[in-house]
């Protein structure tokens, strides 16, 4: 399993234990799976797709952050961001 945390300026949006995530990288989309090599990448406008269970932080607006969520999958639209993956932990900062 992978741990994910997604932050916007000033607040945490969501956390979870997931199987994979797909990111809109500046040089093209890429997928992160368990035991992925450490990576830091900038993100461009697009959609982050998460496969696994996530929890939204209290008071997070689904409409404001364009978050779609069901039991095993979630997605959110971003303008730009930064992702870091190391030791099966993903941290994302989005605009």
PDB file of N, CA and C in Angstrom:
ATOM      1  N   UNK A   1       0.829  -1.197   0.000  1.00  0.00           N
ATOM      2  CA  UNK A   1       0.000   0.000   0.000  1.00  0.00           C
ATOM      3  C   UNK A   1       0.864   1.247   0.000  1.00  0.00           C
ATOM      4  N   UNK A   2       0.300   2.284  -0.551  1.00  0.00           N
ATOM      5  CA  UNK A   2       0.925   3.605  -0.567  1.00  0.00           C
ATOM      6  C   UNK A   2       0.124   4.529   0.340  1.00  0.00           C
ATOM      7  N   UNK A   3       0.789   5.460   0.978  1.00  0.00           N
ATOM      8  CA  UNK A   3       0.103   6.498   1.728  1.00  0.00           C
ATOM      9  C   UNK A   3       0.139   7.758   0.881  1.00  0.00           C
ATOM     10  N   UNK A   4      -0.994   8.477   0.845  1.00  0.00           N
ATOM     11  CA  UNK A   4      -1.042   9.721   0.081  1.00  0.00           C
ATOM     12  C   UNK A   4      -1.599  10.835   0.952  1.00  0.00           C
ATOM     13  N   UNK A   5      -1.040  12.017   0.768  1.00  0.00           N
ATOM     14  CA  UNK A   5      -1.546  13.241   1.376  1.00  0.00           C
ATOM     15  C   UNK A   5      -1.542  14.296   0.289  1.00  0.00           C
ATOM     16  N   UNK A   6      -2.672  14.997   0.147  1.00  0.00           N
ATOM     17  CA  UNK A   6      -2.766  16.074  -0.833  1.00  0.00           C
ATOM     18  C   UNK A   6      -3.103  17.360  -0.092  1.00  0.00           C
ATOM     19  N   UNK A   7      -2.304  18.387  -0.373  1.00  0.00           N
ATOM     20  CA  UNK A   7      -2.462  19.685   0.269  1.00  0.00           C
ATOM     21  C   UNK A   7      -2.732  20.756  -0.775  1.00  0.00           C
ATOM     22  N   UNK A   8      -3.525  21.737  -0.380  1.00  0.00           N
ATOM     23  CA  UNK A   8      -3.662  22.964  -1.138  1.00  0.00           C
ATOM     24  C   UNK A   8      -3.010  24.039  -0.283  1.00  0.00           C
ATOM     25  N   UNK A   9      -2.860  25.214  -0.807  1.00  0.00           N
ATOM     26  CA  UNK A   9      -2.253  26.279  -0.017  1.00  0.00           C
ATOM     27  C   UNK A   9      -3.056  26.462   1.268  1.00  0.00           C
ATOM     28  N   UNK A  10      -2.410  26.240   2.392  1.00  0.00           N
ATOM     29  CA  UNK A  10      -3.047  26.497   3.674  1.00  0.00           C
ATOM     30  C   UNK A  10      -3.888  25.390   4.278  1.00  0.00           C
ATOM     31  N   UNK A  11      -4.111  24.272   3.555  1.00  0.00           N
ATOM     32  CA  UNK A  11      -4.928  23.209   4.165  1.00  0.00           C
ATOM     33  C   UNK A  11      -4.638  21.837   3.549  1.00  0.00           C
ATOM     34  N   UNK A  12      -4.889  20.809   4.362  1.00  0.00           N
ATOM     35  CA  UNK A  12      -4.803  19.431   3.867  1.00  0.00           C
ATOM     36  C   UNK A  12      -6.164  19.080   3.286  1.00  0.00           C
ATOM     37  N   UNK A  13      -6.184  18.494   2.083  1.00  0.00           N
ATOM     38  CA  UNK A  13      -7.445  18.127   1.429  1.00  0.00           C
ATOM     39  C   UNK A  13      -7.850  16.694   1.711  1.00  0.00           C
ATOM     40  N   UNK A  14      -6.909  15.766   1.546  1.00  0.00           N
ATOM     41  CA  UNK A  14      -7.263  14.361   1.716  1.00  0.00           C
ATOM     42  C   UNK A  14      -6.052  13.531   2.082  1.00  0.00           C
ATOM     43  N   UNK A  15      -6.328  12.356   2.634  1.00  0.00           N
ATOM     44  CA  UNK A  15      -5.303  11.372   2.966  1.00  0.00           C
ATOM     45  C   UNK A  15      -5.860  10.003   2.615  1.00  0.00           C
ATOM     46  N   UNK A  16      -4.990   9.017   2.534  1.00  0.00           N
ATOM     47  CA  UNK A  16      -5.492   7.678   2.286  1.00  0.00           C
ATOM     48  C   UNK A  16      -4.401   6.654   2.111  1.00  0.00           C
ATOM     49  N   UNK A  17      -4.836   5.402   2.121  1.00  0.00           N
ATOM     50  CA  UNK A  17      -4.000   4.252   1.792  1.00  0.00           C
ATOM     51  C   UNK A  17      -4.487   3.773   0.438  1.00  0.00           C
ATOM     52  N   UNK A  18      -3.617   3.824  -0.547  1.00  0.00           N
ATOM     53  CA  UNK A  18      -4.051   3.600  -1.918  1.00  0.00           C
ATOM     54  C   UNK A  18      -3.207   2.528  -2.601  1.00  0.00           C
ATOM     55  N   UNK A  19      -3.697   2.083  -3.769  1.00  0.00           N
ATOM     56  CA  UNK A  19      -2.976   1.111  -4.589  1.00  0.00           C
ATOM     57  C   UNK A  19      -2.126   1.793  -5.656  1.00  0.00           C
ATOM     58  N   UNK A  20      -2.643   2.906  -6.207  1.00  0.00           N
ATOM     59  CA  UNK A  20      -1.919   3.614  -7.263  1.00  0.00           C
ATOM     60  C   UNK A  20      -2.486   5.017  -7.429  1.00  0.00           C
ATOM     61  N   UNK A  21      -1.712   5.847  -8.116  1.00  0.00           N
ATOM     62  CA  UNK A  21      -2.168   7.196  -8.451  1.00  0.00           C
ATOM     63  C   UNK A  21      -1.579   7.575  -9.805  1.00  0.00           C
ATOM     64  N   UNK A  22      -2.362   8.317 -10.585  1.00  0.00           N
ATOM     65  CA  UNK A  22      -1.920   8.804 -11.883  1.00  0.00           C
ATOM     66  C   UNK A  22      -1.889  10.331 -11.805  1.00  0.00           C
ATOM     67  N   UNK A  23      -0.767  10.911 -12.234  1.00  0.00           N
ATOM     68  CA  UNK A  23      -0.558  12.344 -12.137  1.00  0.00           C
ATOM     69  C   UNK A  23      -0.323  12.960 -13.510  1.00  0.00           C
ATOM     70  N   UNK A  24      -0.789  14.215 -13.706  1.00  0.00           N
ATOM     71  CA  UNK A  24      -0.522  14.930 -14.957  1.00  0.00           C
ATOM     72  C   UNK A  24       0.840  15.634 -14.871  1.00  0.00           C
ATOM     73  N   UNK A  25       1.907  14.899 -15.069  1.00  0.00           N
ATOM     74  CA  UNK A  25       3.256  15.453 -14.983  1.00  0.00           C
ATOM     75  C   UNK A  25       3.522  16.484 -16.063  1.00  0.00           C
ATOM     76  N   UNK A  26       4.424  17.392 -15.783  1.00  0.00           N
ATOM     77  CA  UNK A  26       4.767  18.440 -16.753  1.00  0.00           C
ATOM     78  C   UNK A  26       5.290  17.860 -18.063  1.00  0.00           C
ATOM     79  N   UNK A  27       5.942  16.688 -17.994  1.00  0.00           N
ATOM     80  CA  UNK A  27       6.458  16.043 -19.200  1.00  0.00           C
ATOM     81  C   UNK A  27       5.582  14.877 -19.663  1.00  0.00           C
ATOM     82  N   UNK A  28       4.374  14.772 -19.118  1.00  0.00           N
ATOM     83  CA  UNK A  28       3.456  13.703 -19.483  1.00  0.00           C
ATOM     84  C   UNK A  28       2.922  12.990 -18.259  1.00  0.00           C
ATOM     85  N   UNK A  29       1.803  12.338 -18.413  1.00  0.00           N
ATOM     86  CA  UNK A  29       1.176  11.626 -17.298  1.00  0.00           C
ATOM     87  C   UNK A  29       2.031  10.442 -16.865  1.00  0.00           C
ATOM     88  N   UNK A  30       1.978  10.142 -15.561  1.00  0.00           N
ATOM     89  CA  UNK A  30       2.695   8.981 -15.055  1.00  0.00           C
ATOM     90  C   UNK A  30       1.939   8.379 -13.880  1.00  0.00           C
ATOM     91  N   UNK A  31       2.171   7.095 -13.674  1.00  0.00           N
ATOM     92  CA  UNK A  31       1.507   6.349 -12.605  1.00  0.00           C
ATOM     93  C   UNK A  31       2.519   5.979 -11.532  1.00  0.00           C
ATOM     94  N   UNK A  32       2.089   6.038 -10.273  1.00  0.00           N
ATOM     95  CA  UNK A  32       2.918   5.644  -9.144  1.00  0.00           C
ATOM     96  C   UNK A  32       2.286   4.427  -8.485  1.00  0.00           C
ATOM     97  N   UNK A  33       3.084   3.375  -8.308  1.00  0.00           N
ATOM     98  CA  UNK A  33       2.655   2.144  -7.651  1.00  0.00           C
ATOM     99  C   UNK A  33       3.536   1.904  -6.431  1.00  0.00           C
ATOM    100  N   UNK A  34       3.179   0.901  -5.634  1.00  0.00           N
ATOM    101  CA  UNK A  34       3.961   0.532  -4.459  1.00  0.00           C
ATOM    102  C   UNK A  34       5.412   0.256  -4.864  1.00  0.00           C
ATOM    103  N   UNK A  35       6.341   0.680  -4.012  1.00  0.00           N
ATOM    104  CA  UNK A  35       7.778   0.491  -4.214  1.00  0.00           C
ATOM    105  C   UNK A  35       8.342   1.249  -5.426  1.00  0.00           C
ATOM    106  N   UNK A  36       7.636   2.285  -5.861  1.00  0.00           N
ATOM    107  CA  UNK A  36       8.127   3.134  -6.949  1.00  0.00           C
ATOM    108  C   UNK A  36       9.419   3.814  -6.494  1.00  0.00           C
ATOM    109  N   UNK A  37      10.309   4.049  -7.411  1.00  0.00           N
ATOM    110  CA  UNK A  37      11.550   4.772  -7.098  1.00  0.00           C
ATOM    111  C   UNK A  37      11.205   6.177  -6.600  1.00  0.00           C
ATOM    112  N   UNK A  38      12.043   6.737  -5.738  1.00  0.00           N
ATOM    113  CA  UNK A  38      11.799   8.109  -5.280  1.00  0.00           C
ATOM    114  C   UNK A  38      11.723   9.063  -6.470  1.00  0.00           C
ATOM    115  N   UNK A  39      10.811  10.015  -6.391  1.00  0.00           N
ATOM    116  CA  UNK A  39      10.612  10.960  -7.495  1.00  0.00           C
ATOM    117  C   UNK A  39      10.081  12.278  -6.939  1.00  0.00           C
ATOM    118  N   UNK A  40      10.473  13.356  -7.577  1.00  0.00           N
ATOM    119  CA  UNK A  40       9.883  14.678  -7.367  1.00  0.00           C
ATOM    120  C   UNK A  40       9.556  15.191  -8.753  1.00  0.00           C
ATOM    121  N   UNK A  41       8.323  15.660  -8.949  1.00  0.00           N
ATOM    122  CA  UNK A  41       7.916  16.122 -10.272  1.00  0.00           C
ATOM    123  C   UNK A  41       6.957  17.303 -10.156  1.00  0.00           C
ATOM    124  N   UNK A  42       7.058  18.201 -11.113  1.00  0.00           N
ATOM    125  CA  UNK A  42       6.057  19.265 -11.209  1.00  0.00           C
ATOM    126  C   UNK A  42       4.838  18.703 -11.952  1.00  0.00           C
ATOM    127  N   UNK A  43       3.689  19.277 -11.662  1.00  0.00           N
ATOM    128  CA  UNK A  43       2.437  18.844 -12.277  1.00  0.00           C
ATOM    129  C   UNK A  43       1.846  19.992 -13.077  1.00  0.00           C
ATOM    130  N   UNK A  44       1.177  19.643 -14.167  1.00  0.00           N
ATOM    131  CA  UNK A  44       0.498  20.649 -14.986  1.00  0.00           C
ATOM    132  C   UNK A  44      -1.009  20.504 -14.807  1.00  0.00           C
ATOM    133  N   UNK A  45      -1.742  21.379 -15.459  1.00  0.00           N
ATOM    134  CA  UNK A  45      -3.203  21.339 -15.398  1.00  0.00           C
ATOM    135  C   UNK A  45      -3.693  19.983 -15.880  1.00  0.00           C
ATOM    136  N   UNK A  46      -4.593  19.388 -15.101  1.00  0.00           N
ATOM    137  CA  UNK A  46      -5.126  18.086 -15.467  1.00  0.00           C
ATOM    138  C   UNK A  46      -5.806  17.423 -14.286  1.00  0.00           C
ATOM    139  N   UNK A  47      -5.850  16.094 -14.333  1.00  0.00           N
ATOM    140  CA  UNK A  47      -6.583  15.324 -13.340  1.00  0.00           C
ATOM    141  C   UNK A  47      -5.659  14.345 -12.629  1.00  0.00           C
ATOM    142  N   UNK A  48      -5.758  14.319 -11.297  1.00  0.00           N
ATOM    143  CA  UNK A  48      -5.096  13.290 -10.499  1.00  0.00           C
ATOM    144  C   UNK A  48      -6.132  12.196 -10.271  1.00  0.00           C
ATOM    145  N   UNK A  49      -5.780  10.950 -10.578  1.00  0.00           N
ATOM    146  CA  UNK A  49      -6.688   9.812 -10.394  1.00  0.00           C
ATOM    147  C   UNK A  49      -6.087   8.895  -9.346  1.00  0.00           C
ATOM    148  N   UNK A  50      -6.850   8.601  -8.308  1.00  0.00           N
ATOM    149  CA  UNK A  50      -6.373   7.802  -7.182  1.00  0.00           C
ATOM    150  C   UNK A  50      -7.194   6.530  -7.081  1.00  0.00           C
ATOM    151  N   UNK A  51      -6.526   5.376  -7.042  1.00  0.00           N
ATOM    152  CA  UNK A  51      -7.196   4.097  -6.833  1.00  0.00           C
ATOM    153  C   UNK A  51      -6.899   3.628  -5.416  1.00  0.00           C
ATOM    154  N   UNK A  52      -7.923   3.566  -4.590  1.00  0.00           N
ATOM    155  CA  UNK A  52      -7.767   3.174  -3.197  1.00  0.00           C
ATOM    156  C   UNK A  52      -8.730   3.949  -2.321  1.00  0.00           C
ATOM    157  N   UNK A  53      -8.572   3.793  -1.029  1.00  0.00           N
ATOM    158  CA  UNK A  53      -9.475   4.432  -0.079  1.00  0.00           C
ATOM    159  C   UNK A  53      -8.876   5.738   0.409  1.00  0.00           C
ATOM    160  N   UNK A  54      -9.654   6.827   0.257  1.00  0.00           N
ATOM    161  CA  UNK A  54      -9.191   8.118   0.752  1.00  0.00           C
ATOM    162  C   UNK A  54     -10.221   8.698   1.706  1.00  0.00           C
ATOM    163  N   UNK A  55      -9.751   9.580   2.546  1.00  0.00           N
ATOM    164  CA  UNK A  55     -10.614  10.314   3.464  1.00  0.00           C
ATOM    165  C   UNK A  55     -10.412  11.798   3.220  1.00  0.00           C
ATOM    166  N   UNK A  56     -11.528  12.510   3.063  1.00  0.00           N
ATOM    167  CA  UNK A  56     -11.451  13.952   2.908  1.00  0.00           C
ATOM    168  C   UNK A  56     -11.332  14.587   4.278  1.00  0.00           C
ATOM    169  N   UNK A  57     -10.550  15.635   4.360  1.00  0.00           N
ATOM    170  CA  UNK A  57     -10.445  16.379   5.603  1.00  0.00           C
ATOM    171  C   UNK A  57     -11.753  17.135   5.835  1.00  0.00           C
ATOM    172  N   UNK A  58     -12.006  17.441   7.075  1.00  0.00           N
ATOM    173  CA  UNK A  58     -13.231  18.145   7.450  1.00  0.00           C
ATOM    174  C   UNK A  58     -13.292  19.497   6.741  1.00  0.00           C
ATOM    175  N   UNK A  59     -14.465  19.869   6.313  1.00  0.00           N
ATOM    176  CA  UNK A  59     -14.731  21.166   5.676  1.00  0.00           C
ATOM    177  C   UNK A  59     -14.110  21.336   4.291  1.00  0.00           C
ATOM    178  N   UNK A  60     -13.693  20.261   3.643  1.00  0.00           N
ATOM    179  CA  UNK A  60     -13.169  20.372   2.282  1.00  0.00           C
ATOM    180  C   UNK A  60     -14.352  20.432   1.317  1.00  0.00           C
ATOM    181  N   UNK A  61     -14.332  21.435   0.443  1.00  0.00           N
ATOM    182  CA  UNK A  61     -15.400  21.612  -0.535  1.00  0.00           C
ATOM    183  C   UNK A  61     -15.129  20.758  -1.775  1.00  0.00           C
ATOM    184  N   UNK A  62     -16.000  19.780  -2.030  1.00  0.00           N
ATOM    185  CA  UNK A  62     -15.849  18.933  -3.221  1.00  0.00           C
ATOM    186  C   UNK A  62     -15.933  19.765  -4.497  1.00  0.00           C
ATOM    187  N   UNK A  63     -16.825  20.764  -4.500  1.00  0.00           N
ATOM    188  CA  UNK A  63     -17.018  21.594  -5.691  1.00  0.00           C
ATOM    189  C   UNK A  63     -15.814  22.501  -5.932  1.00  0.00           C
ATOM    190  N   UNK A  64     -15.303  23.142  -4.874  1.00  0.00           N
ATOM    191  CA  UNK A  64     -14.187  24.061  -5.021  1.00  0.00           C
ATOM    192  C   UNK A  64     -12.963  23.356  -5.594  1.00  0.00           C
ATOM    193  N   UNK A  65     -12.669  22.158  -5.100  1.00  0.00           N
ATOM    194  CA  UNK A  65     -11.489  21.425  -5.556  1.00  0.00           C
ATOM    195  C   UNK A  65     -11.801  20.400  -6.645  1.00  0.00           C
ATOM    196  N   UNK A  66     -13.029  20.375  -7.114  1.00  0.00           N
ATOM    197  CA  UNK A  66     -13.461  19.481  -8.197  1.00  0.00           C
ATOM    198  C   UNK A  66     -13.072  18.032  -7.896  1.00  0.00           C
ATOM    199  N   UNK A  67     -13.455  17.578  -6.691  1.00  0.00           N
ATOM    200  CA  UNK A  67     -13.146  16.222  -6.249  1.00  0.00           C
ATOM    201  C   UNK A  67     -14.343  15.321  -6.522  1.00  0.00           C
ATOM    202  N   UNK A  68     -14.075  14.186  -7.165  1.00  0.00           N
ATOM    203  CA  UNK A  68     -15.079  13.138  -7.367  1.00  0.00           C
ATOM    204  C   UNK A  68     -14.590  11.918  -6.616  1.00  0.00           C
ATOM    205  N   UNK A  69     -15.477  11.282  -5.857  1.00  0.00           N
ATOM    206  CA  UNK A  69     -15.036  10.194  -4.990  1.00  0.00           C
ATOM    207  C   UNK A  69     -16.107   9.122  -4.891  1.00  0.00           C
ATOM    208  N   UNK A  70     -15.679   7.855  -4.959  1.00  0.00           N
ATOM    209  CA  UNK A  70     -16.542   6.737  -4.573  1.00  0.00           C
ATOM    210  C   UNK A  70     -15.708   5.843  -3.659  1.00  0.00           C
ATOM    211  N   UNK A  71     -16.139   4.613  -3.410  1.00  0.00           N
ATOM    212  CA  UNK A  71     -15.452   3.767  -2.426  1.00  0.00           C
ATOM    213  C   UNK A  71     -14.013   3.425  -2.780  1.00  0.00           C
ATOM    214  N   UNK A  72     -13.713   3.196  -4.043  1.00  0.00           N
ATOM    215  CA  UNK A  72     -12.376   2.714  -4.424  1.00  0.00           C
ATOM    216  C   UNK A  72     -11.626   3.625  -5.386  1.00  0.00           C
ATOM    217  N   UNK A  73     -12.197   4.782  -5.734  1.00  0.00           N
ATOM    218  CA  UNK A  73     -11.554   5.647  -6.709  1.00  0.00           C
ATOM    219  C   UNK A  73     -11.907   7.102  -6.411  1.00  0.00           C
ATOM    220  N   UNK A  74     -10.950   7.979  -6.659  1.00  0.00           N
ATOM    221  CA  UNK A  74     -11.187   9.410  -6.498  1.00  0.00           C
ATOM    222  C   UNK A  74     -10.405  10.151  -7.572  1.00  0.00           C
ATOM    223  N   UNK A  75     -10.870  11.337  -7.893  1.00  0.00           N
ATOM    224  CA  UNK A  75     -10.137  12.178  -8.842  1.00  0.00           C
ATOM    225  C   UNK A  75     -10.332  13.634  -8.454  1.00  0.00           C
ATOM    226  N   UNK A  76      -9.361  14.444  -8.821  1.00  0.00           N
ATOM    227  CA  UNK A  76      -9.499  15.877  -8.624  1.00  0.00           C
ATOM    228  C   UNK A  76      -8.779  16.613  -9.729  1.00  0.00           C
ATOM    229  N   UNK A  77      -9.341  17.754 -10.102  1.00  0.00           N
ATOM    230  CA  UNK A  77      -8.778  18.601 -11.141  1.00  0.00           C
ATOM    231  C   UNK A  77      -7.810  19.583 -10.502  1.00  0.00           C
ATOM    232  N   UNK A  78      -6.666  19.780 -11.145  1.00  0.00           N
ATOM    233  CA  UNK A  78      -5.687  20.725 -10.618  1.00  0.00           C
ATOM    234  C   UNK A  78      -5.249  21.688 -11.720  1.00  0.00           C
ATOM    235  N   UNK A  79      -4.723  22.825 -11.302  1.00  0.00           N
ATOM    236  CA  UNK A  79      -4.146  23.793 -12.234  1.00  0.00           C
ATOM    237  C   UNK A  79      -2.651  23.558 -12.379  1.00  0.00           C
ATOM    238  N   UNK A  80      -1.991  23.247 -11.262  1.00  0.00           N
ATOM    239  CA  UNK A  80      -0.558  22.949 -11.255  1.00  0.00           C
ATOM    240  C   UNK A  80      -0.220  22.358  -9.894  1.00  0.00           C
ATOM    241  N   UNK A  81       1.014  21.896  -9.727  1.00  0.00           N
ATOM    242  CA  UNK A  81       1.384  21.344  -8.434  1.00  0.00           C
ATOM    243  C   UNK A  81       2.756  20.714  -8.436  1.00  0.00           C
ATOM    244  N   UNK A  82       3.010  20.010  -7.338  1.00  0.00           N
ATOM    245  CA  UNK A  82       4.280  19.339  -7.123  1.00  0.00           C
ATOM    246  C   UNK A  82       3.984  18.035  -6.397  1.00  0.00           C
ATOM    247  N   UNK A  83       4.656  16.955  -6.816  1.00  0.00           N
ATOM    248  CA  UNK A  83       4.467  15.654  -6.164  1.00  0.00           C
ATOM    249  C   UNK A  83       5.830  15.109  -5.755  1.00  0.00           C
ATOM    250  N   UNK A  84       5.854  14.492  -4.571  1.00  0.00           N
ATOM    251  CA  UNK A  84       7.055  13.826  -4.080  1.00  0.00           C
ATOM    252  C   UNK A  84       6.655  12.423  -3.654  1.00  0.00           C
ATOM    253  N   UNK A  85       7.435  11.427  -4.082  1.00  0.00           N
ATOM    254  CA  UNK A  85       7.201  10.042  -3.712  1.00  0.00           C
ATOM    255  C   UNK A  85       8.491   9.485  -3.143  1.00  0.00           C
ATOM    256  N   UNK A  86       8.433   8.970  -1.901  1.00  0.00           N
ATOM    257  CA  UNK A  86       9.577   8.245  -1.342  1.00  0.00           C
ATOM    258  C   UNK A  86       9.077   7.336  -0.237  1.00  0.00           C
ATOM    259  N   UNK A  87       9.676   6.153  -0.166  1.00  0.00           N
ATOM    260  CA  UNK A  87       9.344   5.158   0.857  1.00  0.00           C
ATOM    261  C   UNK A  87       7.835   4.899   0.949  1.00  0.00           C
ATOM    262  N   UNK A  88       7.191   4.735  -0.214  1.00  0.00           N
ATOM    263  CA  UNK A  88       5.759   4.438  -0.323  1.00  0.00           C
ATOM    264  C   UNK A  88       4.872   5.493   0.294  1.00  0.00           C
ATOM    265  N   UNK A  89       5.343   6.732   0.343  1.00  0.00           N
ATOM    266  CA  UNK A  89       4.545   7.862   0.805  1.00  0.00           C
ATOM    267  C   UNK A  89       4.551   8.934  -0.276  1.00  0.00           C
ATOM    268  N   UNK A  90       3.361   9.383  -0.650  1.00  0.00           N
ATOM    269  CA  UNK A  90       3.197  10.394  -1.686  1.00  0.00           C
ATOM    270  C   UNK A  90       2.679  11.661  -1.019  1.00  0.00           C
ATOM    271  N   UNK A  91       3.351  12.780  -1.293  1.00  0.00           N
ATOM    272  CA  UNK A  91       2.879  14.079  -0.833  1.00  0.00           C
ATOM    273  C   UNK A  91       2.698  14.961  -2.046  1.00  0.00           C
ATOM    274  N   UNK A  92       1.526  15.616  -2.123  1.00  0.00           N
ATOM    275  CA  UNK A  92       1.191  16.436  -3.281  1.00  0.00           C
ATOM    276  C   UNK A  92       0.756  17.809  -2.790  1.00  0.00           C
ATOM    277  N   UNK A  93       1.296  18.842  -3.424  1.00  0.00           N
ATOM    278  CA  UNK A  93       0.868  20.215  -3.185  1.00  0.00           C
ATOM    279  C   UNK A  93       0.273  20.711  -4.483  1.00  0.00           C
ATOM    280  N   UNK A  94      -0.989  21.176  -4.417  1.00  0.00           N
ATOM    281  CA  UNK A  94      -1.665  21.591  -5.649  1.00  0.00           C
ATOM    282  C   UNK A  94      -2.105  23.055  -5.572  1.00  0.00           C
ATOM    283  N   UNK A  95      -2.293  23.606  -6.765  1.00  0.00           N
ATOM    284  CA  UNK A  95      -2.906  24.932  -6.945  1.00  0.00           C
ATOM    285  C   UNK A  95      -4.313  24.725  -7.434  1.00  0.00           C
TER     286      UNK A  95
END
